[in-house]
Amino acid sequence: MFRLLAALAALIGFAMPLAAEDTGRLIEYRDVAAAGLPAQRLSIWLPPGYDASDARYPVLYMHDGHNLFDVKNSNFNKIWAADTAMLAAVKSGKVEPHIIIGIWAPGNDRYRQYLPRSAYDAAPPALKAQMDAAGGGEIISDRYLAWIAGPLKSWVDASFRTRPGRDDTAIVGSSMGGLMSCYAFLERPEVFGRAGCVSSHWPAVDPRAVAGEDSGVRQMWDAWFAARLGQPDGRRVWLDHGTATLDQFYAPYQQVVDARFTSAGWQKGRDWESKVYEGAEHEENAWAARLPEVFGWLLAKRP
């Protein structure tokens, strides 16, 4: 019957409609309860073929989920296009399709939910005072991490066809979300085998406010990584920043972190990567532009 219809369409000069390309499926969950946290919200992307197979998939957790997929949900009318980046990475043949769990930021509570609690606890007094002012309340990233690594991950693994092991679980974020991704990777190495720390906001507060004390901030991050990094053990970390707008302040801090990875015996290009994007600004379009590269390295299949 299909051949007959196609032949008839050709005869009368009409093109048959093409089958819609499978670009994956988005699911949203609102008002997700999480103990000790503001109500959370999720945007979950299931890759092409998920609904038509019994395959199991690795999982990528991403912060600022409202800025990942749909412009209408975004803060600044621009997005990471994480689904498009994943499709591109998969098309390259280097990456398996991943389920993406986008966790929305809770509005004004974003800073206190993303600032690593263990770094905050070790911060010099002057910096801690600025963190307190920026957070406007208790720093709750330890609860946020416990929720992601515990109840949220358990629910995801029970509700979707995942591969729940460490080597199949990644976490990625930018700016304060970059700090949060490093925090998850360092504090829960048995859960997260890969982390992408994009344009991480190493000053932790307004970088101009710590300009005279940035050596203390650098020392804080160096000690923080030194105490927690350990050996690679098959894990992998991506670090990067641009050179414009807010990213212009990050190089001195990133260099300290990079040096710590080297001194800890991590092999650059295999266990960790650190890139500088000349002219790149601190915003979603810049992150979207390099996200296929981030995914292509960070989530690459193991040899």
C-alpha atoms as a PDB file:
ATOM      1  CA  MET A   1       0.000   0.000   0.000  1.00  0.00           C
ATOM      2  CA  PHE A   2       2.802   2.458   0.914  1.00  0.00           C
ATOM      3  CA  ARG A   3       4.540   1.831  -2.429  1.00  0.00           C
ATOM      4  CA  LEU A   4       1.270   2.432  -4.267  1.00  0.00           C
ATOM      5  CA  LEU A   5       0.717   5.725  -2.456  1.00  0.00           C
ATOM      6  CA  ALA A   6       4.315   6.820  -3.084  1.00  0.00           C
ATOM      7  CA  ALA A   7       4.013   6.042  -6.784  1.00  0.00           C
ATOM      8  CA  LEU A   8       0.719   7.914  -6.977  1.00  0.00           C
ATOM      9  CA  ALA A   9       2.228  10.936  -5.222  1.00  0.00           C
ATOM     10  CA  ALA A  10       5.125  10.985  -7.670  1.00  0.00           C
ATOM     11  CA  LEU A  11       2.740  10.814 -10.593  1.00  0.00           C
ATOM     12  CA  ILE A  12       0.645  13.767  -9.446  1.00  0.00           C
ATOM     13  CA  GLY A  13       3.658  15.872  -8.401  1.00  0.00           C
ATOM     14  CA  PHE A  14       3.394  15.786  -4.583  1.00  0.00           C
ATOM     15  CA  ALA A  15       6.146  14.735  -2.193  1.00  0.00           C
ATOM     16  CA  MET A  16       5.326  12.185   0.474  1.00  0.00           C
ATOM     17  CA  PRO A  17       5.885  13.519   4.002  1.00  0.00           C
ATOM     18  CA  LEU A  18       9.108  12.389   5.629  1.00  0.00           C
ATOM     19  CA  ALA A  19       9.041  10.527   8.926  1.00  0.00           C
ATOM     20  CA  ALA A  20       9.710  12.885  11.852  1.00  0.00           C
ATOM     21  CA  GLU A  21      13.261  12.663  13.139  1.00  0.00           C
ATOM     22  CA  ASP A  22      13.484  11.215  16.633  1.00  0.00           C
ATOM     23  CA  THR A  23      15.198  13.859  18.746  1.00  0.00           C
ATOM     24  CA  GLY A  24      14.340  12.410  22.127  1.00  0.00           C
ATOM     25  CA  ARG A  25      11.585  13.206  24.594  1.00  0.00           C
ATOM     26  CA  LEU A  26      11.316  15.724  27.433  1.00  0.00           C
ATOM     27  CA  ILE A  27       9.442  15.074  30.681  1.00  0.00           C
ATOM     28  CA  GLU A  28       8.924  17.685  33.406  1.00  0.00           C
ATOM     29  CA  TYR A  29       8.249  17.236  37.093  1.00  0.00           C
ATOM     30  CA  ARG A  30       7.217  20.226  39.213  1.00  0.00           C
ATOM     31  CA  ASP A  31       7.322  20.765  42.970  1.00  0.00           C
ATOM     32  CA  VAL A  32       9.576  17.804  43.750  1.00  0.00           C
ATOM     33  CA  ALA A  33       9.993  17.523  47.518  1.00  0.00           C
ATOM     34  CA  ALA A  34      13.555  17.336  48.839  1.00  0.00           C
ATOM     35  CA  ALA A  35      14.270  17.296  52.563  1.00  0.00           C
ATOM     36  CA  GLY A  36      15.784  20.534  53.841  1.00  0.00           C
ATOM     37  CA  LEU A  37      15.677  22.179  50.398  1.00  0.00           C
ATOM     38  CA  PRO A  38      13.346  24.448  48.474  1.00  0.00           C
ATOM     39  CA  ALA A  39      10.923  22.551  46.227  1.00  0.00           C
ATOM     40  CA  GLN A  40      12.847  21.216  43.236  1.00  0.00           C
ATOM     41  CA  ARG A  41      11.863  20.900  39.579  1.00  0.00           C
ATOM     42  CA  LEU A  42      13.164  18.526  36.913  1.00  0.00           C
ATOM     43  CA  SER A  43      13.388  18.490  33.126  1.00  0.00           C
ATOM     44  CA  ILE A  44      14.376  14.986  31.995  1.00  0.00           C
ATOM     45  CA  TRP A  45      15.469  14.196  28.441  1.00  0.00           C
ATOM     46  CA  LEU A  46      15.179  10.626  27.186  1.00  0.00           C
ATOM     47  CA  PRO A  47      17.374   9.994  24.131  1.00  0.00           C
ATOM     48  CA  PRO A  48      16.127   8.809  20.732  1.00  0.00           C
ATOM     49  CA  GLY A  49      15.173   5.149  20.773  1.00  0.00           C
ATOM     50  CA  TYR A  50      14.525   5.013  24.502  1.00  0.00           C
ATOM     51  CA  ASP A  51      10.813   4.270  24.119  1.00  0.00           C
ATOM     52  CA  ALA A  52      11.335   1.649  21.417  1.00  0.00           C
ATOM     53  CA  SER A  53      13.958  -0.500  23.140  1.00  0.00           C
ATOM     54  CA  ASP A  54      14.869  -2.261  26.357  1.00  0.00           C
ATOM     55  CA  ALA A  55      18.368  -0.786  26.451  1.00  0.00           C
ATOM     56  CA  ARG A  56      19.815   0.747  29.595  1.00  0.00           C
ATOM     57  CA  TYR A  57      21.485   4.145  29.526  1.00  0.00           C
ATOM     58  CA  PRO A  58      24.160   6.095  31.399  1.00  0.00           C
ATOM     59  CA  VAL A  59      22.869   9.185  33.186  1.00  0.00           C
ATOM     60  CA  LEU A  60      24.015  12.802  33.162  1.00  0.00           C
ATOM     61  CA  TYR A  61      22.844  15.125  35.946  1.00  0.00           C
ATOM     62  CA  MET A  62      22.935  18.841  35.089  1.00  0.00           C
ATOM     63  CA  HIS A  63      22.309  21.945  37.178  1.00  0.00           C
ATOM     64  CA  ASP A  64      20.300  24.988  36.037  1.00  0.00           C
ATOM     65  CA  GLY A  65      17.888  22.664  34.291  1.00  0.00           C
ATOM     66  CA  HIS A  66      15.628  25.548  33.240  1.00  0.00           C
ATOM     67  CA  ASN A  67      18.407  26.790  30.922  1.00  0.00           C
ATOM     68  CA  LEU A  68      19.159  23.468  29.235  1.00  0.00           C
ATOM     69  CA  PHE A  69      16.438  22.658  26.710  1.00  0.00           C
ATOM     70  CA  ASP A  70      13.634  25.150  26.132  1.00  0.00           C
ATOM     71  CA  VAL A  71      14.052  28.884  25.598  1.00  0.00           C
ATOM     72  CA  LYS A  72      10.649  29.621  27.120  1.00  0.00           C
ATOM     73  CA  ASN A  73      11.914  28.329  30.486  1.00  0.00           C
ATOM     74  CA  SER A  74      15.265  30.111  30.398  1.00  0.00           C
ATOM     75  CA  ASN A  75      16.389  33.080  32.440  1.00  0.00           C
ATOM     76  CA  PHE A  76      18.007  35.024  29.597  1.00  0.00           C
ATOM     77  CA  ASN A  77      16.218  33.788  26.461  1.00  0.00           C
ATOM     78  CA  LYS A  78      19.123  31.500  25.604  1.00  0.00           C
ATOM     79  CA  ILE A  79      19.908  27.883  26.421  1.00  0.00           C
ATOM     80  CA  TRP A  80      22.672  25.289  26.502  1.00  0.00           C
ATOM     81  CA  ALA A  81      20.765  23.103  23.981  1.00  0.00           C
ATOM     82  CA  ALA A  82      21.990  20.082  25.937  1.00  0.00           C
ATOM     83  CA  ASP A  83      19.871  17.656  23.902  1.00  0.00           C
ATOM     84  CA  THR A  84      21.348  18.944  20.636  1.00  0.00           C
ATOM     85  CA  ALA A  85      24.859  18.698  22.076  1.00  0.00           C
ATOM     86  CA  MET A  86      24.206  15.123  23.183  1.00  0.00           C
ATOM     87  CA  LEU A  87      22.907  14.175  19.729  1.00  0.00           C
ATOM     88  CA  ALA A  88      26.043  15.671  18.160  1.00  0.00           C
ATOM     89  CA  ALA A  89      28.328  13.826  20.573  1.00  0.00           C
ATOM     90  CA  VAL A  90      26.521  10.545  19.902  1.00  0.00           C
ATOM     91  CA  LYS A  91      26.690  11.104  16.142  1.00  0.00           C
ATOM     92  CA  SER A  92      30.478  11.394  16.430  1.00  0.00           C
ATOM     93  CA  GLY A  93      30.557   7.770  17.561  1.00  0.00           C
ATOM     94  CA  LYS A  94      32.555   8.603  20.695  1.00  0.00           C
ATOM     95  CA  VAL A  95      29.660   8.860  23.152  1.00  0.00           C
ATOM     96  CA  GLU A  96      26.751   6.627  24.069  1.00  0.00           C
ATOM     97  CA  PRO A  97      23.361   8.322  24.409  1.00  0.00           C
ATOM     98  CA  HIS A  98      22.713   9.481  27.970  1.00  0.00           C
ATOM     99  CA  ILE A  99      19.552  10.248  29.883  1.00  0.00           C
ATOM    100  CA  ILE A 100      19.862  13.878  31.001  1.00  0.00           C
ATOM    101  CA  ILE A 101      18.406  14.891  34.367  1.00  0.00           C
ATOM    102  CA  GLY A 102      18.087  18.685  34.373  1.00  0.00           C
ATOM    103  CA  ILE A 103      17.637  20.032  37.909  1.00  0.00           C
ATOM    104  CA  TRP A 104      16.203  23.545  37.924  1.00  0.00           C
ATOM    105  CA  ALA A 105      17.823  26.205  40.111  1.00  0.00           C
ATOM    106  CA  PRO A 106      15.540  27.366  42.945  1.00  0.00           C
ATOM    107  CA  GLY A 107      15.480  31.086  42.155  1.00  0.00           C
ATOM    108  CA  ASN A 108      17.044  33.229  44.864  1.00  0.00           C
ATOM    109  CA  ASP A 109      18.201  30.108  46.715  1.00  0.00           C
ATOM    110  CA  ARG A 110      20.533  29.122  43.864  1.00  0.00           C
ATOM    111  CA  TYR A 111      23.713  30.488  45.447  1.00  0.00           C
ATOM    112  CA  ARG A 112      23.285  28.806  48.805  1.00  0.00           C
ATOM    113  CA  GLN A 113      22.276  25.541  47.096  1.00  0.00           C
ATOM    114  CA  TYR A 114      25.299  25.494  44.768  1.00  0.00           C
ATOM    115  CA  LEU A 115      28.156  26.873  46.912  1.00  0.00           C
ATOM    116  CA  PRO A 116      30.161  23.845  48.146  1.00  0.00           C
ATOM    117  CA  ARG A 117      29.542  23.582  51.875  1.00  0.00           C
ATOM    118  CA  SER A 118      32.940  22.096  52.694  1.00  0.00           C
ATOM    119  CA  ALA A 119      34.685  24.969  50.867  1.00  0.00           C
ATOM    120  CA  TYR A 120      32.474  27.475  52.668  1.00  0.00           C
ATOM    121  CA  ASP A 121      33.375  25.916  56.016  1.00  0.00           C
ATOM    122  CA  ALA A 122      37.097  26.297  55.204  1.00  0.00           C
ATOM    123  CA  ALA A 123      36.854  29.836  53.790  1.00  0.00           C
ATOM    124  CA  PRO A 124      38.848  32.691  55.363  1.00  0.00           C
ATOM    125  CA  PRO A 125      36.652  34.811  57.655  1.00  0.00           C
ATOM    126  CA  ALA A 126      36.412  37.808  55.322  1.00  0.00           C
ATOM    127  CA  LEU A 127      35.426  35.608  52.387  1.00  0.00           C
ATOM    128  CA  LYS A 128      32.948  33.647  54.504  1.00  0.00           C
ATOM    129  CA  ALA A 129      31.264  36.892  55.515  1.00  0.00           C
ATOM    130  CA  GLN A 130      30.834  37.796  51.849  1.00  0.00           C
ATOM    131  CA  MET A 131      29.481  34.322  51.121  1.00  0.00           C
ATOM    132  CA  ASP A 132      26.949  34.743  53.929  1.00  0.00           C
ATOM    133  CA  ALA A 133      25.827  38.045  52.448  1.00  0.00           C
ATOM    134  CA  ALA A 134      25.543  36.579  48.952  1.00  0.00           C
ATOM    135  CA  GLY A 135      23.641  33.511  50.168  1.00  0.00           C
ATOM    136  CA  GLY A 136      21.151  35.353  52.326  1.00  0.00           C
ATOM    137  CA  GLY A 137      20.759  32.274  54.489  1.00  0.00           C
ATOM    138  CA  GLU A 138      22.244  28.928  55.435  1.00  0.00           C
ATOM    139  CA  ILE A 139      24.481  27.246  52.848  1.00  0.00           C
ATOM    140  CA  ILE A 140      22.579  24.064  51.959  1.00  0.00           C
ATOM    141  CA  SER A 141      24.656  22.484  49.195  1.00  0.00           C
ATOM    142  CA  ASP A 142      25.460  19.533  51.455  1.00  0.00           C
ATOM    143  CA  ARG A 143      21.729  18.732  51.569  1.00  0.00           C
ATOM    144  CA  TYR A 144      21.415  19.284  47.831  1.00  0.00           C
ATOM    145  CA  LEU A 145      24.271  16.862  47.152  1.00  0.00           C
ATOM    146  CA  ALA A 146      22.823  14.298  49.570  1.00  0.00           C
ATOM    147  CA  TRP A 147      19.484  14.554  47.760  1.00  0.00           C
ATOM    148  CA  ILE A 148      20.989  14.139  44.273  1.00  0.00           C
ATOM    149  CA  ALA A 149      23.248  11.234  45.262  1.00  0.00           C
ATOM    150  CA  GLY A 150      20.549   9.613  47.406  1.00  0.00           C
ATOM    151  CA  PRO A 151      16.769  10.001  46.908  1.00  0.00           C
ATOM    152  CA  LEU A 152      16.905  11.578  43.456  1.00  0.00           C
ATOM    153  CA  LYS A 153      19.345   9.056  41.998  1.00  0.00           C
ATOM    154  CA  SER A 154      17.444   6.155  43.586  1.00  0.00           C
ATOM    155  CA  TRP A 155      14.206   7.417  42.038  1.00  0.00           C
ATOM    156  CA  VAL A 156      15.829   7.952  38.626  1.00  0.00           C
ATOM    157  CA  ASP A 157      17.349   4.464  38.657  1.00  0.00           C
ATOM    158  CA  ALA A 158      14.010   2.920  39.673  1.00  0.00           C
ATOM    159  CA  SER A 159      11.916   4.926  37.200  1.00  0.00           C
ATOM    160  CA  PHE A 160      14.077   4.770  34.075  1.00  0.00           C
ATOM    161  CA  ARG A 161      16.269   2.166  32.416  1.00  0.00           C
ATOM    162  CA  THR A 162      19.615   3.378  33.693  1.00  0.00           C
ATOM    163  CA  ARG A 163      23.071   1.973  34.229  1.00  0.00           C
ATOM    164  CA  PRO A 164      23.484   3.131  37.817  1.00  0.00           C
ATOM    165  CA  GLY A 165      27.194   2.538  38.405  1.00  0.00           C
ATOM    166  CA  ARG A 166      29.783   5.218  39.066  1.00  0.00           C
ATOM    167  CA  ASP A 167      31.336   4.994  35.615  1.00  0.00           C
ATOM    168  CA  ASP A 168      27.942   5.619  34.012  1.00  0.00           C
ATOM    169  CA  THR A 169      26.971   8.594  36.188  1.00  0.00           C
ATOM    170  CA  ALA A 170      28.134  12.112  35.332  1.00  0.00           C
ATOM    171  CA  ILE A 171      27.375  15.604  36.625  1.00  0.00           C
ATOM    172  CA  VAL A 172      27.816  18.924  34.792  1.00  0.00           C
ATOM    173  CA  GLY A 173      27.171  22.589  35.541  1.00  0.00           C
ATOM    174  CA  SER A 174      28.423  26.103  34.874  1.00  0.00           C
ATOM    175  CA  SER A 175      29.435  29.048  37.067  1.00  0.00           C
ATOM    176  CA  MET A 176      28.169  28.232  40.581  1.00  0.00           C
ATOM    177  CA  GLY A 177      26.931  24.988  39.016  1.00  0.00           C
ATOM    178  CA  GLY A 178      30.525  24.306  37.979  1.00  0.00           C
ATOM    179  CA  LEU A 179      31.583  24.559  41.612  1.00  0.00           C
ATOM    180  CA  MET A 180      28.688  22.301  42.579  1.00  0.00           C
ATOM    181  CA  SER A 181      29.737  19.687  40.019  1.00  0.00           C
ATOM    182  CA  CYS A 182      33.292  19.655  41.375  1.00  0.00           C
ATOM    183  CA  TYR A 183      31.837  19.377  44.882  1.00  0.00           C
ATOM    184  CA  ALA A 184      29.753  16.332  43.923  1.00  0.00           C
ATOM    185  CA  PHE A 185      32.718  14.715  42.201  1.00  0.00           C
ATOM    186  CA  LEU A 186      35.075  15.239  45.139  1.00  0.00           C
ATOM    187  CA  GLU A 187      32.694  14.447  47.993  1.00  0.00           C
ATOM    188  CA  ARG A 188      30.884  11.503  46.383  1.00  0.00           C
ATOM    189  CA  PRO A 189      33.490   9.751  44.212  1.00  0.00           C
ATOM    190  CA  GLU A 190      31.669   6.442  44.584  1.00  0.00           C
ATOM    191  CA  VAL A 191      28.605   7.940  42.835  1.00  0.00           C
ATOM    192  CA  PHE A 192      29.917  10.350  40.187  1.00  0.00           C
ATOM    193  CA  GLY A 193      32.630   9.031  37.891  1.00  0.00           C
ATOM    194  CA  ARG A 194      32.702  12.097  35.636  1.00  0.00           C
ATOM    195  CA  ALA A 195      32.224  15.807  36.193  1.00  0.00           C
ATOM    196  CA  GLY A 196      32.100  18.849  33.939  1.00  0.00           C
ATOM    197  CA  CYS A 197      32.982  22.102  35.727  1.00  0.00           C
ATOM    198  CA  VAL A 198      32.278  24.756  33.097  1.00  0.00           C
ATOM    199  CA  SER A 199      33.262  28.392  33.761  1.00  0.00           C
ATOM    200  CA  SER A 200      33.413  27.560  37.463  1.00  0.00           C
ATOM    201  CA  HIS A 201      32.973  30.674  39.594  1.00  0.00           C
ATOM    202  CA  TRP A 202      36.161  30.231  41.605  1.00  0.00           C
ATOM    203  CA  PRO A 203      36.026  33.679  43.304  1.00  0.00           C
ATOM    204  CA  ALA A 204      32.781  32.396  44.892  1.00  0.00           C
ATOM    205  CA  VAL A 205      31.575  35.994  45.312  1.00  0.00           C
ATOM    206  CA  ASP A 206      31.948  39.162  43.219  1.00  0.00           C
ATOM    207  CA  PRO A 207      35.557  38.786  41.973  1.00  0.00           C
ATOM    208  CA  ARG A 208      36.161  42.493  42.422  1.00  0.00           C
ATOM    209  CA  ALA A 209      35.395  42.122  46.128  1.00  0.00           C
ATOM    210  CA  VAL A 210      38.252  39.651  46.652  1.00  0.00           C
ATOM    211  CA  ALA A 211      40.753  41.329  44.339  1.00  0.00           C
ATOM    212  CA  GLY A 212      43.046  42.205  47.242  1.00  0.00           C
ATOM    213  CA  GLU A 213      42.660  38.856  48.951  1.00  0.00           C
ATOM    214  CA  ASP A 214      42.553  36.479  46.011  1.00  0.00           C
ATOM    215  CA  SER A 215      45.659  34.626  47.219  1.00  0.00           C
ATOM    216  CA  GLY A 216      43.616  33.428  50.182  1.00  0.00           C
ATOM    217  CA  VAL A 217      40.847  32.261  47.863  1.00  0.00           C
ATOM    218  CA  ARG A 218      43.344  30.417  45.686  1.00  0.00           C
ATOM    219  CA  GLN A 219      44.834  28.746  48.749  1.00  0.00           C
ATOM    220  CA  MET A 220      41.355  27.717  49.868  1.00  0.00           C
ATOM    221  CA  TRP A 221      40.646  25.926  46.584  1.00  0.00           C
ATOM    222  CA  ASP A 222      44.102  24.350  46.461  1.00  0.00           C
ATOM    223  CA  ALA A 223      43.686  22.901  49.948  1.00  0.00           C
ATOM    224  CA  TRP A 224      40.125  21.815  49.160  1.00  0.00           C
ATOM    225  CA  PHE A 225      41.202  19.809  46.113  1.00  0.00           C
ATOM    226  CA  ALA A 226      44.349  18.495  47.817  1.00  0.00           C
ATOM    227  CA  ALA A 227      42.310  17.002  50.663  1.00  0.00           C
ATOM    228  CA  ARG A 228      39.754  15.289  48.409  1.00  0.00           C
ATOM    229  CA  LEU A 229      41.092  14.596  44.921  1.00  0.00           C
ATOM    230  CA  GLY A 230      42.747  11.221  45.453  1.00  0.00           C
ATOM    231  CA  GLN A 231      43.779   9.057  42.519  1.00  0.00           C
ATOM    232  CA  PRO A 232      41.903   9.052  39.199  1.00  0.00           C
ATOM    233  CA  ASP A 233      40.799   5.417  39.478  1.00  0.00           C
ATOM    234  CA  GLY A 234      39.111   5.661  36.082  1.00  0.00           C
ATOM    235  CA  ARG A 235      37.340   8.936  36.845  1.00  0.00           C
ATOM    236  CA  ARG A 236      37.381  11.961  34.553  1.00  0.00           C
ATOM    237  CA  VAL A 237      36.979  15.749  35.010  1.00  0.00           C
ATOM    238  CA  TRP A 238      36.514  18.597  32.515  1.00  0.00           C
ATOM    239  CA  LEU A 239      37.425  22.177  33.520  1.00  0.00           C
ATOM    240  CA  ASP A 240      37.253  25.323  31.380  1.00  0.00           C
ATOM    241  CA  HIS A 241      36.660  29.058  31.204  1.00  0.00           C
ATOM    242  CA  GLY A 242      36.475  31.900  28.697  1.00  0.00           C
ATOM    243  CA  THR A 243      38.327  35.211  28.770  1.00  0.00           C
ATOM    244  CA  ALA A 244      35.522  37.784  28.600  1.00  0.00           C
ATOM    245  CA  THR A 245      32.937  39.210  31.028  1.00  0.00           C
ATOM    246  CA  LEU A 246      32.930  37.295  34.330  1.00  0.00           C
ATOM    247  CA  ASP A 247      35.190  34.562  32.932  1.00  0.00           C
ATOM    248  CA  GLN A 248      38.059  37.042  32.609  1.00  0.00           C
ATOM    249  CA  PHE A 249      38.674  36.712  36.368  1.00  0.00           C
ATOM    250  CA  TYR A 250      39.006  32.927  36.483  1.00  0.00           C
ATOM    251  CA  ALA A 251      42.467  32.148  35.059  1.00  0.00           C
ATOM    252  CA  PRO A 252      44.549  32.624  38.271  1.00  0.00           C
ATOM    253  CA  TYR A 253      42.237  30.305  40.206  1.00  0.00           C
ATOM    254  CA  GLN A 254      42.002  27.748  37.406  1.00  0.00           C
ATOM    255  CA  GLN A 255      45.777  27.594  37.170  1.00  0.00           C
ATOM    256  CA  VAL A 256      46.011  26.680  40.856  1.00  0.00           C
ATOM    257  CA  VAL A 257      43.408  23.938  40.434  1.00  0.00           C
ATOM    258  CA  ASP A 258      45.151  22.642  37.299  1.00  0.00           C
ATOM    259  CA  ALA A 259      48.456  22.471  39.158  1.00  0.00           C
ATOM    260  CA  ARG A 260      46.819  20.449  41.911  1.00  0.00           C
ATOM    261  CA  PHE A 261      45.560  17.867  39.391  1.00  0.00           C
ATOM    262  CA  THR A 262      49.066  17.576  37.951  1.00  0.00           C
ATOM    263  CA  SER A 263      50.755  17.225  41.335  1.00  0.00           C
ATOM    264  CA  ALA A 264      48.205  14.585  42.361  1.00  0.00           C
ATOM    265  CA  GLY A 265      49.293  12.438  39.419  1.00  0.00           C
ATOM    266  CA  TRP A 266      46.264  12.932  37.174  1.00  0.00           C
ATOM    267  CA  GLN A 267      47.202  12.696  33.493  1.00  0.00           C
ATOM    268  CA  LYS A 268      45.949  15.604  31.426  1.00  0.00           C
ATOM    269  CA  GLY A 269      44.025  14.509  28.357  1.00  0.00           C
ATOM    270  CA  ARG A 270      43.209  11.155  29.908  1.00  0.00           C
ATOM    271  CA  ASP A 271      41.987  11.825  33.468  1.00  0.00           C
ATOM    272  CA  TRP A 272      41.288  15.541  33.306  1.00  0.00           C
ATOM    273  CA  GLU A 273      41.105  18.354  30.804  1.00  0.00           C
ATOM    274  CA  SER A 274      41.331  22.126  31.187  1.00  0.00           C
ATOM    275  CA  LYS A 275      40.564  24.485  28.307  1.00  0.00           C
ATOM    276  CA  VAL A 276      40.597  28.238  27.795  1.00  0.00           C
ATOM    277  CA  TYR A 277      38.225  29.672  25.182  1.00  0.00           C
ATOM    278  CA  GLU A 278      39.555  33.010  23.970  1.00  0.00           C
ATOM    279  CA  GLY A 279      36.844  35.642  23.760  1.00  0.00           C
ATOM    280  CA  ALA A 280      34.159  33.397  25.254  1.00  0.00           C
ATOM    281  CA  GLU A 281      31.790  35.136  27.648  1.00  0.00           C
ATOM    282  CA  HIS A 282      30.080  33.925  30.799  1.00  0.00           C
ATOM    283  CA  GLU A 283      26.727  33.017  29.289  1.00  0.00           C
ATOM    284  CA  GLU A 284      24.623  30.202  27.858  1.00  0.00           C
ATOM    285  CA  ASN A 285      25.404  30.740  24.173  1.00  0.00           C
ATOM    286  CA  ALA A 286      29.125  30.384  24.881  1.00  0.00           C
ATOM    287  CA  TRP A 287      28.522  27.217  26.860  1.00  0.00           C
ATOM    288  CA  ALA A 288      26.221  25.819  24.169  1.00  0.00           C
ATOM    289  CA  ALA A 289      28.916  26.418  21.555  1.00  0.00           C
ATOM    290  CA  ARG A 290      31.432  24.214  23.348  1.00  0.00           C
ATOM    291  CA  LEU A 291      29.089  21.692  24.943  1.00  0.00           C
ATOM    292  CA  PRO A 292      29.455  19.110  22.127  1.00  0.00           C
ATOM    293  CA  GLU A 293      33.207  19.216  22.740  1.00  0.00           C
ATOM    294  CA  VAL A 294      32.686  18.919  26.500  1.00  0.00           C
ATOM    295  CA  PHE A 295      30.404  15.909  26.062  1.00  0.00           C
ATOM    296  CA  GLY A 296      32.667  14.403  23.385  1.00  0.00           C
ATOM    297  CA  TRP A 297      35.604  14.235  25.798  1.00  0.00           C
ATOM    298  CA  LEU A 298      33.954  13.871  29.195  1.00  0.00           C
ATOM    299  CA  LEU A 299      31.422  11.189  28.257  1.00  0.00           C
ATOM    300  CA  ALA A 300      33.522   9.301  25.720  1.00  0.00           C
ATOM    301  CA  LYS A 301      33.313   5.537  25.788  1.00  0.00           C
ATOM    302  CA  ARG A 302      36.124   3.876  27.632  1.00  0.00           C
ATOM    303  CA  PRO A 303      38.741   2.184  25.429  1.00  0.00           C
END
